[in-house]
Amino acid sequence: MEPPICALCHRDQRDHENLEFDLVRFRNFESIDHPGHPDGLLWFCQDHLDGARRLDSRTSGEALRLMRADEQRPRWLRVLRRAFGR
């Protein structure tokens, strides 16, 4: 299993002990029976967790692409989109 490092902003829980991190399981999740980290299961920090959970019906790659595109938009537009839906 990979350590808790946000898949979007790459913050590491070891360097940001005050932030909460959690795993999100996406559509392409595949359980594994050996050491390692399964596809479709990604860590996110508290700042990106809600956005990742809203996209958990997609594959992890699709979700990351959408989240990165959203991060490029002006902050005021991101706030409006989150407040009134997509």
PDB file of N, CA and C in Angstrom:
ATOM      1  N   MET A   1       0.847  -1.180   0.000  1.00  0.00           N
ATOM      2  CA  MET A   1       0.000   0.000   0.000  1.00  0.00           C
ATOM      3  C   MET A   1       0.887   1.235   0.000  1.00  0.00           C
ATOM      4  N   GLU A   2       0.513   2.202  -0.838  1.00  0.00           N
ATOM      5  CA  GLU A   2       1.251   3.462  -0.892  1.00  0.00           C
ATOM      6  C   GLU A   2       0.981   4.284   0.358  1.00  0.00           C
ATOM      7  N   PRO A   3       1.921   5.143   0.751  1.00  0.00           N
ATOM      8  CA  PRO A   3       1.681   6.028   1.897  1.00  0.00           C
ATOM      9  C   PRO A   3       0.665   7.105   1.529  1.00  0.00           C
ATOM     10  N   PRO A   4       0.063   7.748   2.524  1.00  0.00           N
ATOM     11  CA  PRO A   4      -0.938   8.777   2.242  1.00  0.00           C
ATOM     12  C   PRO A   4      -0.322  10.044   1.645  1.00  0.00           C
ATOM     13  N   ILE A   5      -0.349  10.109   0.325  1.00  0.00           N
ATOM     14  CA  ILE A   5       0.098  11.273  -0.435  1.00  0.00           C
ATOM     15  C   ILE A   5      -1.034  11.624  -1.387  1.00  0.00           C
ATOM     16  N   CYS A   6      -1.498  12.866  -1.342  1.00  0.00           N
ATOM     17  CA  CYS A   6      -2.630  13.285  -2.169  1.00  0.00           C
ATOM     18  C   CYS A   6      -2.304  13.101  -3.646  1.00  0.00           C
ATOM     19  N   ALA A   7      -3.188  12.409  -4.349  1.00  0.00           N
ATOM     20  CA  ALA A   7      -2.983  12.138  -5.776  1.00  0.00           C
ATOM     21  C   ALA A   7      -3.079  13.402  -6.616  1.00  0.00           C
ATOM     22  N   LEU A   8      -3.693  14.450  -6.081  1.00  0.00           N
ATOM     23  CA  LEU A   8      -3.850  15.673  -6.852  1.00  0.00           C
ATOM     24  C   LEU A   8      -2.757  16.699  -6.554  1.00  0.00           C
ATOM     25  N   CYS A   9      -2.547  17.018  -5.289  1.00  0.00           N
ATOM     26  CA  CYS A   9      -1.587  18.084  -4.950  1.00  0.00           C
ATOM     27  C   CYS A   9      -0.257  17.544  -4.429  1.00  0.00           C
ATOM     28  N   HIS A  10      -0.183  16.258  -4.207  1.00  0.00           N
ATOM     29  CA  HIS A  10       1.043  15.563  -3.785  1.00  0.00           C
ATOM     30  C   HIS A  10       1.510  15.932  -2.379  1.00  0.00           C
ATOM     31  N   ARG A  11       0.611  16.476  -1.560  1.00  0.00           N
ATOM     32  CA  ARG A  11       0.989  16.704  -0.166  1.00  0.00           C
ATOM     33  C   ARG A  11       1.099  15.349   0.521  1.00  0.00           C
ATOM     34  N   ASP A  12       2.095  15.231   1.351  1.00  0.00           N
ATOM     35  CA  ASP A  12       2.403  13.990   2.050  1.00  0.00           C
ATOM     36  C   ASP A  12       1.970  14.134   3.508  1.00  0.00           C
ATOM     37  N   GLN A  13       1.225  13.152   4.006  1.00  0.00           N
ATOM     38  CA  GLN A  13       0.733  13.228   5.379  1.00  0.00           C
ATOM     39  C   GLN A  13       1.879  13.323   6.387  1.00  0.00           C
ATOM     40  N   ARG A  14       3.021  12.763   6.059  1.00  0.00           N
ATOM     41  CA  ARG A  14       4.162  12.825   6.978  1.00  0.00           C
ATOM     42  C   ARG A  14       4.669  14.249   7.142  1.00  0.00           C
ATOM     43  N   ASP A  15       4.455  15.093   6.127  1.00  0.00           N
ATOM     44  CA  ASP A  15       4.868  16.494   6.197  1.00  0.00           C
ATOM     45  C   ASP A  15       3.746  17.424   6.625  1.00  0.00           C
ATOM     46  N   HIS A  16       2.507  16.924   6.577  1.00  0.00           N
ATOM     47  CA  HIS A  16       1.318  17.727   6.908  1.00  0.00           C
ATOM     48  C   HIS A  16       0.454  16.944   7.885  1.00  0.00           C
ATOM     49  N   GLU A  17       0.963  16.779   9.089  1.00  0.00           N
ATOM     50  CA  GLU A  17       0.271  15.948  10.079  1.00  0.00           C
ATOM     51  C   GLU A  17      -1.075  16.517  10.500  1.00  0.00           C
ATOM     52  N   ASN A  18      -1.291  17.808  10.273  1.00  0.00           N
ATOM     53  CA  ASN A  18      -2.563  18.424  10.659  1.00  0.00           C
ATOM     54  C   ASN A  18      -3.665  18.206   9.620  1.00  0.00           C
ATOM     55  N   LEU A  19      -3.329  17.686   8.441  1.00  0.00           N
ATOM     56  CA  LEU A  19      -4.321  17.415   7.399  1.00  0.00           C
ATOM     57  C   LEU A  19      -4.821  15.980   7.499  1.00  0.00           C
ATOM     58  N   GLU A  20      -6.100  15.813   7.196  1.00  0.00           N
ATOM     59  CA  GLU A  20      -6.695  14.477   7.131  1.00  0.00           C
ATOM     60  C   GLU A  20      -6.522  13.938   5.710  1.00  0.00           C
ATOM     61  N   PHE A  21      -6.282  12.652   5.601  1.00  0.00           N
ATOM     62  CA  PHE A  21      -6.158  11.968   4.311  1.00  0.00           C
ATOM     63  C   PHE A  21      -7.071  10.750   4.329  1.00  0.00           C
ATOM     64  N   ASP A  22      -7.611  10.396   3.161  1.00  0.00           N
ATOM     65  CA  ASP A  22      -8.442   9.197   3.076  1.00  0.00           C
ATOM     66  C   ASP A  22      -8.331   8.624   1.666  1.00  0.00           C
ATOM     67  N   LEU A  23      -8.658   7.348   1.568  1.00  0.00           N
ATOM     68  CA  LEU A  23      -8.642   6.648   0.286  1.00  0.00           C
ATOM     69  C   LEU A  23      -9.993   6.774  -0.406  1.00  0.00           C
ATOM     70  N   VAL A  24      -9.964   6.886  -1.726  1.00  0.00           N
ATOM     71  CA  VAL A  24     -11.182   6.895  -2.545  1.00  0.00           C
ATOM     72  C   VAL A  24     -11.068   5.745  -3.540  1.00  0.00           C
ATOM     73  N   ARG A  25     -12.132   4.954  -3.609  1.00  0.00           N
ATOM     74  CA  ARG A  25     -12.183   3.804  -4.518  1.00  0.00           C
ATOM     75  C   ARG A  25     -12.953   4.201  -5.770  1.00  0.00           C
ATOM     76  N   PHE A  26     -12.305   4.113  -6.923  1.00  0.00           N
ATOM     77  CA  PHE A  26     -12.907   4.492  -8.198  1.00  0.00           C
ATOM     78  C   PHE A  26     -13.410   3.266  -8.948  1.00  0.00           C
ATOM     79  N   ARG A  27     -14.073   3.531 -10.082  1.00  0.00           N
ATOM     80  CA  ARG A  27     -14.700   2.458 -10.865  1.00  0.00           C
ATOM     81  C   ARG A  27     -13.705   1.388 -11.302  1.00  0.00           C
ATOM     82  N   ASN A  28     -12.461   1.765 -11.547  1.00  0.00           N
ATOM     83  CA  ASN A  28     -11.471   0.796 -12.029  1.00  0.00           C
ATOM     84  C   ASN A  28     -10.725   0.091 -10.900  1.00  0.00           C
ATOM     85  N   PHE A  29     -11.251   0.160  -9.684  1.00  0.00           N
ATOM     86  CA  PHE A  29     -10.613  -0.521  -8.561  1.00  0.00           C
ATOM     87  C   PHE A  29     -10.567  -2.024  -8.803  1.00  0.00           C
ATOM     88  N   GLU A  30      -9.400  -2.604  -8.539  1.00  0.00           N
ATOM     89  CA  GLU A  30      -9.240  -4.055  -8.621  1.00  0.00           C
ATOM     90  C   GLU A  30      -8.469  -4.514  -7.392  1.00  0.00           C
ATOM     91  N   SER A  31      -9.082  -5.363  -6.618  1.00  0.00           N
ATOM     92  CA  SER A  31      -8.439  -5.904  -5.429  1.00  0.00           C
ATOM     93  C   SER A  31      -7.237  -6.758  -5.833  1.00  0.00           C
ATOM     94  N   ILE A  32      -6.206  -6.730  -5.000  1.00  0.00           N
ATOM     95  CA  ILE A  32      -5.022  -7.550  -5.278  1.00  0.00           C
ATOM     96  C   ILE A  32      -4.747  -8.452  -4.083  1.00  0.00           C
ATOM     97  N   ASP A  33      -4.131  -9.586  -4.347  1.00  0.00           N
ATOM     98  CA  ASP A  33      -3.827 -10.540  -3.275  1.00  0.00           C
ATOM     99  C   ASP A  33      -2.328 -10.642  -3.022  1.00  0.00           C
ATOM    100  N   HIS A  34      -1.612  -9.575  -3.318  1.00  0.00           N
ATOM    101  CA  HIS A  34      -0.170  -9.538  -3.113  1.00  0.00           C
ATOM    102  C   HIS A  34       0.206  -8.139  -2.635  1.00  0.00           C
ATOM    103  N   PRO A  35       1.398  -7.961  -2.102  1.00  0.00           N
ATOM    104  CA  PRO A  35       1.806  -6.622  -1.649  1.00  0.00           C
ATOM    105  C   PRO A  35       1.794  -5.633  -2.810  1.00  0.00           C
ATOM    106  N   GLY A  36       1.435  -4.421  -2.522  1.00  0.00           N
ATOM    107  CA  GLY A  36       1.386  -3.384  -3.540  1.00  0.00           C
ATOM    108  C   GLY A  36       0.183  -2.502  -3.333  1.00  0.00           C
ATOM    109  N   HIS A  37      -0.072  -1.673  -4.289  1.00  0.00           N
ATOM    110  CA  HIS A  37      -1.211  -0.754  -4.203  1.00  0.00           C
ATOM    111  C   HIS A  37      -2.148  -1.034  -5.377  1.00  0.00           C
ATOM    112  N   PRO A  38      -3.422  -1.302  -5.100  1.00  0.00           N
ATOM    113  CA  PRO A  38      -4.356  -1.637  -6.177  1.00  0.00           C
ATOM    114  C   PRO A  38      -4.663  -0.445  -7.077  1.00  0.00           C
ATOM    115  N   ASP A  39      -4.905  -0.738  -8.347  1.00  0.00           N
ATOM    116  CA  ASP A  39      -5.367   0.293  -9.278  1.00  0.00           C
ATOM    117  C   ASP A  39      -6.732   0.793  -8.816  1.00  0.00           C
ATOM    118  N   GLY A  40      -7.005   2.045  -9.078  1.00  0.00           N
ATOM    119  CA  GLY A  40      -8.326   2.593  -8.781  1.00  0.00           C
ATOM    120  C   GLY A  40      -8.551   2.949  -7.330  1.00  0.00           C
ATOM    121  N   LEU A  41      -7.518   2.968  -6.513  1.00  0.00           N
ATOM    122  CA  LEU A  41      -7.621   3.331  -5.102  1.00  0.00           C
ATOM    123  C   LEU A  41      -6.558   4.387  -4.835  1.00  0.00           C
ATOM    124  N   LEU A  42      -7.012   5.632  -4.591  1.00  0.00           N
ATOM    125  CA  LEU A  42      -6.073   6.744  -4.466  1.00  0.00           C
ATOM    126  C   LEU A  42      -6.284   7.506  -3.160  1.00  0.00           C
ATOM    127  N   TRP A  43      -5.188   8.035  -2.637  1.00  0.00           N
ATOM    128  CA  TRP A  43      -5.218   8.890  -1.450  1.00  0.00           C
ATOM    129  C   TRP A  43      -5.526  10.330  -1.868  1.00  0.00           C
ATOM    130  N   PHE A  44      -6.306  11.022  -1.023  1.00  0.00           N
ATOM    131  CA  PHE A  44      -6.568  12.448  -1.210  1.00  0.00           C
ATOM    132  C   PHE A  44      -6.531  13.142   0.136  1.00  0.00           C
ATOM    133  N   CYS A  45      -6.025  14.385   0.133  1.00  0.00           N
ATOM    134  CA  CYS A  45      -6.029  15.195   1.347  1.00  0.00           C
ATOM    135  C   CYS A  45      -7.430  15.773   1.543  1.00  0.00           C
ATOM    136  N   GLN A  46      -7.649  16.353   2.705  1.00  0.00           N
ATOM    137  CA  GLN A  46      -8.975  16.872   3.034  1.00  0.00           C
ATOM    138  C   GLN A  46      -9.436  17.962   2.070  1.00  0.00           C
ATOM    139  N   ASP A  47      -8.517  18.678   1.453  1.00  0.00           N
ATOM    140  CA  ASP A  47      -8.896  19.732   0.513  1.00  0.00           C
ATOM    141  C   ASP A  47      -9.435  19.181  -0.804  1.00  0.00           C
ATOM    142  N   HIS A  48      -9.090  17.955  -1.150  1.00  0.00           N
ATOM    143  CA  HIS A  48      -9.504  17.380  -2.438  1.00  0.00           C
ATOM    144  C   HIS A  48     -10.400  16.148  -2.297  1.00  0.00           C
ATOM    145  N   LEU A  49     -10.661  15.754  -1.085  1.00  0.00           N
ATOM    146  CA  LEU A  49     -11.409  14.520  -0.829  1.00  0.00           C
ATOM    147  C   LEU A  49     -12.846  14.583  -1.340  1.00  0.00           C
ATOM    148  N   ASP A  50     -13.557  15.668  -1.076  1.00  0.00           N
ATOM    149  CA  ASP A  50     -14.952  15.767  -1.536  1.00  0.00           C
ATOM    150  C   ASP A  50     -15.045  15.722  -3.054  1.00  0.00           C
ATOM    151  N   GLY A  51     -14.139  16.428  -3.720  1.00  0.00           N
ATOM    152  CA  GLY A  51     -14.136  16.414  -5.181  1.00  0.00           C
ATOM    153  C   GLY A  51     -13.878  15.033  -5.733  1.00  0.00           C
ATOM    154  N   ALA A  52     -12.962  14.303  -5.116  1.00  0.00           N
ATOM    155  CA  ALA A  52     -12.660  12.941  -5.558  1.00  0.00           C
ATOM    156  C   ALA A  52     -13.849  12.022  -5.328  1.00  0.00           C
ATOM    157  N   ARG A  53     -14.496  12.176  -4.194  1.00  0.00           N
ATOM    158  CA  ARG A  53     -15.663  11.321  -3.894  1.00  0.00           C
ATOM    159  C   ARG A  53     -16.809  11.576  -4.862  1.00  0.00           C
ATOM    160  N   ARG A  54     -16.962  12.817  -5.317  1.00  0.00           N
ATOM    161  CA  ARG A  54     -18.019  13.120  -6.298  1.00  0.00           C
ATOM    162  C   ARG A  54     -17.762  12.435  -7.635  1.00  0.00           C
ATOM    163  N   LEU A  55     -16.520  12.069  -7.894  1.00  0.00           N
ATOM    164  CA  LEU A  55     -16.152  11.465  -9.174  1.00  0.00           C
ATOM    165  C   LEU A  55     -15.843   9.973  -9.075  1.00  0.00           C
ATOM    166  N   ASP A  56     -16.215   9.340  -7.965  1.00  0.00           N
ATOM    167  CA  ASP A  56     -15.829   7.938  -7.753  1.00  0.00           C
ATOM    168  C   ASP A  56     -16.521   6.945  -8.687  1.00  0.00           C
ATOM    169  N   SER A  57     -17.501   7.403  -9.463  1.00  0.00           N
ATOM    170  CA  SER A  57     -18.148   6.507 -10.446  1.00  0.00           C
ATOM    171  C   SER A  57     -17.337   6.443 -11.741  1.00  0.00           C
ATOM    172  N   ARG A  58     -16.295   7.236 -11.835  1.00  0.00           N
ATOM    173  CA  ARG A  58     -15.411   7.245 -13.009  1.00  0.00           C
ATOM    174  C   ARG A  58     -14.146   6.454 -12.694  1.00  0.00           C
ATOM    175  N   THR A  59     -13.306   6.270 -13.693  1.00  0.00           N
ATOM    176  CA  THR A  59     -12.017   5.634 -13.422  1.00  0.00           C
ATOM    177  C   THR A  59     -11.126   6.655 -12.720  1.00  0.00           C
ATOM    178  N   SER A  60     -10.094   6.175 -12.065  1.00  0.00           N
ATOM    179  CA  SER A  60      -9.199   7.089 -11.351  1.00  0.00           C
ATOM    180  C   SER A  60      -8.527   8.062 -12.321  1.00  0.00           C
ATOM    181  N   GLY A  61      -8.165   7.614 -13.508  1.00  0.00           N
ATOM    182  CA  GLY A  61      -7.541   8.491 -14.494  1.00  0.00           C
ATOM    183  C   GLY A  61      -8.479   9.599 -14.962  1.00  0.00           C
ATOM    184  N   GLU A  62      -9.733   9.244 -15.234  1.00  0.00           N
ATOM    185  CA  GLU A  62     -10.719  10.247 -15.643  1.00  0.00           C
ATOM    186  C   GLU A  62     -10.932  11.268 -14.533  1.00  0.00           C
ATOM    187  N   ALA A  63     -11.069  10.775 -13.316  1.00  0.00           N
ATOM    188  CA  ALA A  63     -11.303  11.666 -12.173  1.00  0.00           C
ATOM    189  C   ALA A  63     -10.144  12.639 -11.984  1.00  0.00           C
ATOM    190  N   LEU A  64      -8.922  12.150 -12.073  1.00  0.00           N
ATOM    191  CA  LEU A  64      -7.763  13.033 -11.911  1.00  0.00           C
ATOM    192  C   LEU A  64      -7.701  14.073 -13.020  1.00  0.00           C
ATOM    193  N   ARG A  65      -8.002  13.681 -14.254  1.00  0.00           N
ATOM    194  CA  ARG A  65      -8.007  14.648 -15.359  1.00  0.00           C
ATOM    195  C   ARG A  65      -9.030  15.756 -15.108  1.00  0.00           C
ATOM    196  N   LEU A  66     -10.235  15.371 -14.682  1.00  0.00           N
ATOM    197  CA  LEU A  66     -11.275  16.361 -14.409  1.00  0.00           C
ATOM    198  C   LEU A  66     -10.895  17.263 -13.236  1.00  0.00           C
ATOM    199  N   MET A  67     -10.321  16.681 -12.199  1.00  0.00           N
ATOM    200  CA  MET A  67      -9.930  17.467 -11.034  1.00  0.00           C
ATOM    201  C   MET A  67      -8.792  18.429 -11.381  1.00  0.00           C
ATOM    202  N   ARG A  68      -7.850  17.990 -12.181  1.00  0.00           N
ATOM    203  CA  ARG A  68      -6.742  18.882 -12.588  1.00  0.00           C
ATOM    204  C   ARG A  68      -7.261  20.021 -13.462  1.00  0.00           C
ATOM    205  N   ALA A  69      -8.192  19.722 -14.350  1.00  0.00           N
ATOM    206  CA  ALA A  69      -8.774  20.770 -15.193  1.00  0.00           C
ATOM    207  C   ALA A  69      -9.516  21.781 -14.332  1.00  0.00           C
ATOM    208  N   ASP A  70     -10.225  21.302 -13.323  1.00  0.00           N
ATOM    209  CA  ASP A  70     -10.966  22.183 -12.422  1.00  0.00           C
ATOM    210  C   ASP A  70     -10.011  23.071 -11.630  1.00  0.00           C
ATOM    211  N   GLU A  71      -8.867  22.546 -11.228  1.00  0.00           N
ATOM    212  CA  GLU A  71      -7.875  23.322 -10.471  1.00  0.00           C
ATOM    213  C   GLU A  71      -7.303  24.460 -11.304  1.00  0.00           C
ATOM    214  N   GLN A  72      -7.358  24.361 -12.629  1.00  0.00           N
ATOM    215  CA  GLN A  72      -6.831  25.407 -13.496  1.00  0.00           C
ATOM    216  C   GLN A  72      -7.800  26.578 -13.655  1.00  0.00           C
ATOM    217  N   ARG A  73      -9.059  26.369 -13.298  1.00  0.00           N
ATOM    218  CA  ARG A  73     -10.052  27.439 -13.411  1.00  0.00           C
ATOM    219  C   ARG A  73      -9.835  28.454 -12.294  1.00  0.00           C
ATOM    220  N   PRO A  74     -10.288  29.700 -12.514  1.00  0.00           N
ATOM    221  CA  PRO A  74     -10.202  30.703 -11.444  1.00  0.00           C
ATOM    222  C   PRO A  74     -10.969  30.242 -10.208  1.00  0.00           C
ATOM    223  N   ARG A  75     -10.494  30.617  -9.050  1.00  0.00           N
ATOM    224  CA  ARG A  75     -11.113  30.171  -7.790  1.00  0.00           C
ATOM    225  C   ARG A  75     -12.596  30.530  -7.710  1.00  0.00           C
ATOM    226  N   TRP A  76     -12.982  31.737  -8.129  1.00  0.00           N
ATOM    227  CA  TRP A  76     -14.373  32.147  -8.022  1.00  0.00           C
ATOM    228  C   TRP A  76     -15.272  31.249  -8.857  1.00  0.00           C
ATOM    229  N   LEU A  77     -14.779  30.796 -10.014  1.00  0.00           N
ATOM    230  CA  LEU A  77     -15.572  29.918 -10.859  1.00  0.00           C
ATOM    231  C   LEU A  77     -15.701  28.529 -10.230  1.00  0.00           C
ATOM    232  N   ARG A  78     -14.636  28.035  -9.606  1.00  0.00           N
ATOM    233  CA  ARG A  78     -14.700  26.730  -8.920  1.00  0.00           C
ATOM    234  C   ARG A  78     -15.718  26.773  -7.787  1.00  0.00           C
ATOM    235  N   VAL A  79     -15.737  27.876  -7.033  1.00  0.00           N
ATOM    236  CA  VAL A  79     -16.692  28.017  -5.925  1.00  0.00           C
ATOM    237  C   VAL A  79     -18.115  28.000  -6.453  1.00  0.00           C
ATOM    238  N   LEU A  80     -18.387  28.749  -7.520  1.00  0.00           N
ATOM    239  CA  LEU A  80     -19.736  28.764  -8.098  1.00  0.00           C
ATOM    240  C   LEU A  80     -20.147  27.387  -8.607  1.00  0.00           C
ATOM    241  N   ARG A  81     -19.232  26.703  -9.292  1.00  0.00           N
ATOM    242  CA  ARG A  81     -19.548  25.370  -9.827  1.00  0.00           C
ATOM    243  C   ARG A  81     -19.870  24.392  -8.710  1.00  0.00           C
ATOM    244  N   ARG A  82     -19.113  24.458  -7.618  1.00  0.00           N
ATOM    245  CA  ARG A  82     -19.369  23.554  -6.491  1.00  0.00           C
ATOM    246  C   ARG A  82     -20.666  23.895  -5.794  1.00  0.00           C
ATOM    247  N   ALA A  83     -20.991  25.181  -5.706  1.00  0.00           N
ATOM    248  CA  ALA A  83     -22.208  25.615  -5.019  1.00  0.00           C
ATOM    249  C   ALA A  83     -23.473  25.260  -5.792  1.00  0.00           C
ATOM    250  N   PHE A  84     -23.402  25.354  -7.127  1.00  0.00           N
ATOM    251  CA  PHE A  84     -24.595  25.152  -7.943  1.00  0.00           C
ATOM    252  C   PHE A  84     -24.561  23.918  -8.807  1.00  0.00           C
ATOM    253  N   GLY A  85     -23.568  23.065  -8.603  1.00  0.00           N
ATOM    254  CA  GLY A  85     -23.479  21.815  -9.355  1.00  0.00           C
ATOM    255  C   GLY A  85     -22.849  22.015 -10.712  1.00  0.00           C
ATOM    256  N   ARG A  86     -22.632  20.904 -11.388  1.00  0.00           N
ATOM    257  CA  ARG A  86     -21.951  20.939 -12.686  1.00  0.00           C
ATOM    258  C   ARG A  86     -22.915  20.971 -13.811  1.00  0.00           C
TER     259      ARG A  86
END
